[in-house]
Amino acid sequence: MEVANQGRYEALSPEALLEEQLGWQLPVSHLVWWVRGLPAPDSKSKLTLDGDSRLASLDQDGWQVQYLSYTEQNGYWLPERMKLHGKDLDVTLVVKDWQPRQLGH
């Protein structure tokens, strides 16, 4: 991570960097899964589905993720608003614009 007028910071993982620089313990590597409405692989999780069979809540690695709303994009329902609750940190994520990933880019 580079910060203007402060230099470059490095760590062994995104989680370690965030904790060292901001004091936050947040499972950054899980976010790529959670934001898509999926549990992170290789870790136990407890799922609750809503009436439309979409993920309503997810408990994983000491974090509770609540899926507050979904939006439809190209025929797929994707999370729009999520609340993450950890031991010492609460985070609200809002996805304003989903962009499909282009292969090869």
C-alpha atoms as a PDB file:
ATOM      1  CA  MET A   1       0.000   0.000   0.000  1.00  0.00           C
ATOM      2  CA  GLU A   2       1.300   3.473  -0.869  1.00  0.00           C
ATOM      3  CA  VAL A   3       0.177   6.547   1.034  1.00  0.00           C
ATOM      4  CA  ALA A   4       0.871  10.033  -0.333  1.00  0.00           C
ATOM      5  CA  ASN A   5       3.709  11.758   1.529  1.00  0.00           C
ATOM      6  CA  GLN A   6       4.057   8.801   3.916  1.00  0.00           C
ATOM      7  CA  GLY A   7       5.658   6.030   1.888  1.00  0.00           C
ATOM      8  CA  ARG A   8       4.992   2.417   1.062  1.00  0.00           C
ATOM      9  CA  TYR A   9       3.695  -0.193   3.497  1.00  0.00           C
ATOM     10  CA  GLU A  10       3.856  -3.958   3.047  1.00  0.00           C
ATOM     11  CA  ALA A  11       2.550  -6.969   4.944  1.00  0.00           C
ATOM     12  CA  LEU A  12       2.194 -10.700   4.401  1.00  0.00           C
ATOM     13  CA  SER A  13      -1.556 -10.435   3.801  1.00  0.00           C
ATOM     14  CA  PRO A  14      -4.243  -7.811   3.203  1.00  0.00           C
ATOM     15  CA  GLU A  15      -5.609  -8.606   6.675  1.00  0.00           C
ATOM     16  CA  ALA A  16      -2.222  -7.956   8.299  1.00  0.00           C
ATOM     17  CA  LEU A  17      -1.755  -4.690   6.390  1.00  0.00           C
ATOM     18  CA  LEU A  18      -5.171  -3.387   7.412  1.00  0.00           C
ATOM     19  CA  GLU A  19      -4.585  -4.301  11.042  1.00  0.00           C
ATOM     20  CA  GLU A  20      -1.079  -2.792  11.134  1.00  0.00           C
ATOM     21  CA  GLN A  21      -2.100   0.492   9.489  1.00  0.00           C
ATOM     22  CA  LEU A  22      -5.652   1.040  10.739  1.00  0.00           C
ATOM     23  CA  GLY A  23      -6.017  -1.303  13.699  1.00  0.00           C
ATOM     24  CA  TRP A  24      -8.931  -3.107  12.043  1.00  0.00           C
ATOM     25  CA  GLN A  25      -9.287  -6.877  12.060  1.00  0.00           C
ATOM     26  CA  LEU A  26     -11.269  -7.552   8.879  1.00  0.00           C
ATOM     27  CA  PRO A  27     -11.119 -10.781   6.810  1.00  0.00           C
ATOM     28  CA  VAL A  28     -10.348  -8.981   3.534  1.00  0.00           C
ATOM     29  CA  SER A  29      -9.754 -12.221   1.614  1.00  0.00           C
ATOM     30  CA  HIS A  30     -13.308 -13.333   2.480  1.00  0.00           C
ATOM     31  CA  LEU A  31     -14.885 -10.139   1.130  1.00  0.00           C
ATOM     32  CA  VAL A  32     -14.511 -11.209  -2.515  1.00  0.00           C
ATOM     33  CA  TRP A  33     -16.841 -14.115  -1.703  1.00  0.00           C
ATOM     34  CA  TRP A  34     -19.168 -12.441   0.781  1.00  0.00           C
ATOM     35  CA  VAL A  35     -19.902  -9.489  -1.510  1.00  0.00           C
ATOM     36  CA  ARG A  36     -21.172 -11.985  -4.125  1.00  0.00           C
ATOM     37  CA  GLY A  37     -23.433 -13.711  -1.606  1.00  0.00           C
ATOM     38  CA  LEU A  38     -21.172 -16.749  -1.172  1.00  0.00           C
ATOM     39  CA  PRO A  39     -19.313 -18.212   1.803  1.00  0.00           C
ATOM     40  CA  ALA A  40     -15.526 -18.171   1.544  1.00  0.00           C
ATOM     41  CA  PRO A  41     -14.175 -21.618   0.620  1.00  0.00           C
ATOM     42  CA  ASP A  42     -12.073 -23.775   2.960  1.00  0.00           C
ATOM     43  CA  SER A  43     -13.832 -22.521   6.088  1.00  0.00           C
ATOM     44  CA  LYS A  44     -16.960 -23.688   7.883  1.00  0.00           C
ATOM     45  CA  SER A  45     -19.994 -21.461   7.614  1.00  0.00           C
ATOM     46  CA  LYS A  46     -23.628 -21.336   8.665  1.00  0.00           C
ATOM     47  CA  LEU A  47     -26.091 -20.040   6.079  1.00  0.00           C
ATOM     48  CA  THR A  48     -29.655 -18.763   6.331  1.00  0.00           C
ATOM     49  CA  LEU A  49     -31.714 -18.262   3.171  1.00  0.00           C
ATOM     50  CA  ASP A  50     -34.557 -15.822   2.595  1.00  0.00           C
ATOM     51  CA  GLY A  51     -37.961 -16.630   1.058  1.00  0.00           C
ATOM     52  CA  ASP A  52     -36.474 -16.324  -2.450  1.00  0.00           C
ATOM     53  CA  SER A  53     -33.648 -18.799  -1.636  1.00  0.00           C
ATOM     54  CA  ARG A  54     -31.071 -15.998  -1.559  1.00  0.00           C
ATOM     55  CA  LEU A  55     -28.530 -15.713   1.218  1.00  0.00           C
ATOM     56  CA  ALA A  56     -30.037 -13.781   4.144  1.00  0.00           C
ATOM     57  CA  SER A  57     -27.193 -14.267   6.630  1.00  0.00           C
ATOM     58  CA  LEU A  58     -23.835 -15.955   6.853  1.00  0.00           C
ATOM     59  CA  ASP A  59     -21.780 -16.801   9.934  1.00  0.00           C
ATOM     60  CA  GLN A  60     -18.122 -17.528   9.180  1.00  0.00           C
ATOM     61  CA  ASP A  61     -14.841 -17.245  11.088  1.00  0.00           C
ATOM     62  CA  GLY A  62     -16.340 -15.164  13.890  1.00  0.00           C
ATOM     63  CA  TRP A  63     -18.150 -12.788  11.525  1.00  0.00           C
ATOM     64  CA  GLN A  64     -21.847 -12.410  10.890  1.00  0.00           C
ATOM     65  CA  VAL A  65     -22.841 -11.080   7.475  1.00  0.00           C
ATOM     66  CA  GLN A  66     -26.417  -9.892   6.964  1.00  0.00           C
ATOM     67  CA  TYR A  67     -27.680  -9.398   3.416  1.00  0.00           C
ATOM     68  CA  LEU A  68     -30.087  -6.485   3.696  1.00  0.00           C
ATOM     69  CA  SER A  69     -31.009  -6.035   0.029  1.00  0.00           C
ATOM     70  CA  TYR A  70     -30.377  -7.433  -3.433  1.00  0.00           C
ATOM     71  CA  THR A  71     -30.461  -5.919  -6.916  1.00  0.00           C
ATOM     72  CA  GLU A  72     -31.137  -7.625 -10.229  1.00  0.00           C
ATOM     73  CA  GLN A  73     -28.389  -7.371 -12.845  1.00  0.00           C
ATOM     74  CA  ASN A  74     -28.747  -9.144 -16.202  1.00  0.00           C
ATOM     75  CA  GLY A  75     -31.088 -11.744 -14.738  1.00  0.00           C
ATOM     76  CA  TYR A  76     -28.966 -12.402 -11.629  1.00  0.00           C
ATOM     77  CA  TRP A  77     -29.783 -11.276  -8.099  1.00  0.00           C
ATOM     78  CA  LEU A  78     -26.662  -9.797  -6.495  1.00  0.00           C
ATOM     79  CA  PRO A  79     -26.142  -8.358  -3.005  1.00  0.00           C
ATOM     80  CA  GLU A  80     -26.626  -4.612  -2.837  1.00  0.00           C
ATOM     81  CA  ARG A  81     -26.392  -3.834   0.887  1.00  0.00           C
ATOM     82  CA  MET A  82     -24.605  -5.941   3.514  1.00  0.00           C
ATOM     83  CA  LYS A  83     -23.829  -5.480   7.186  1.00  0.00           C
ATOM     84  CA  LEU A  84     -20.750  -7.230   8.620  1.00  0.00           C
ATOM     85  CA  HIS A  85     -20.409  -7.686  12.361  1.00  0.00           C
ATOM     86  CA  GLY A  86     -17.130  -8.842  13.913  1.00  0.00           C
ATOM     87  CA  LYS A  87     -15.724  -8.902  17.425  1.00  0.00           C
ATOM     88  CA  ASP A  88     -14.609  -5.255  17.478  1.00  0.00           C
ATOM     89  CA  LEU A  89     -15.755  -3.908  14.127  1.00  0.00           C
ATOM     90  CA  ASP A  90     -19.031  -3.316  12.281  1.00  0.00           C
ATOM     91  CA  VAL A  91     -18.956  -2.575   8.556  1.00  0.00           C
ATOM     92  CA  THR A  92     -21.742  -1.682   6.125  1.00  0.00           C
ATOM     93  CA  LEU A  93     -21.051  -2.390   2.449  1.00  0.00           C
ATOM     94  CA  VAL A  94     -23.144  -0.898  -0.337  1.00  0.00           C
ATOM     95  CA  VAL A  95     -22.584  -1.905  -3.961  1.00  0.00           C
ATOM     96  CA  LYS A  96     -23.648   0.983  -6.193  1.00  0.00           C
ATOM     97  CA  ASP A  97     -22.829  -0.531  -9.590  1.00  0.00           C
ATOM     98  CA  TRP A  98     -22.095  -4.147 -10.472  1.00  0.00           C
ATOM     99  CA  GLN A  99     -19.813  -4.553 -13.491  1.00  0.00           C
ATOM    100  CA  PRO A 100     -19.475  -7.959 -15.150  1.00  0.00           C
ATOM    101  CA  ARG A 101     -15.935  -9.239 -15.276  1.00  0.00           C
ATOM    102  CA  GLN A 102     -14.481  -9.519 -18.759  1.00  0.00           C
ATOM    103  CA  LEU A 103     -12.369 -12.595 -19.373  1.00  0.00           C
ATOM    104  CA  GLY A 104      -8.763 -11.806 -20.207  1.00  0.00           C
ATOM    105  CA  HIS A 105      -8.829  -8.372 -18.538  1.00  0.00           C
END
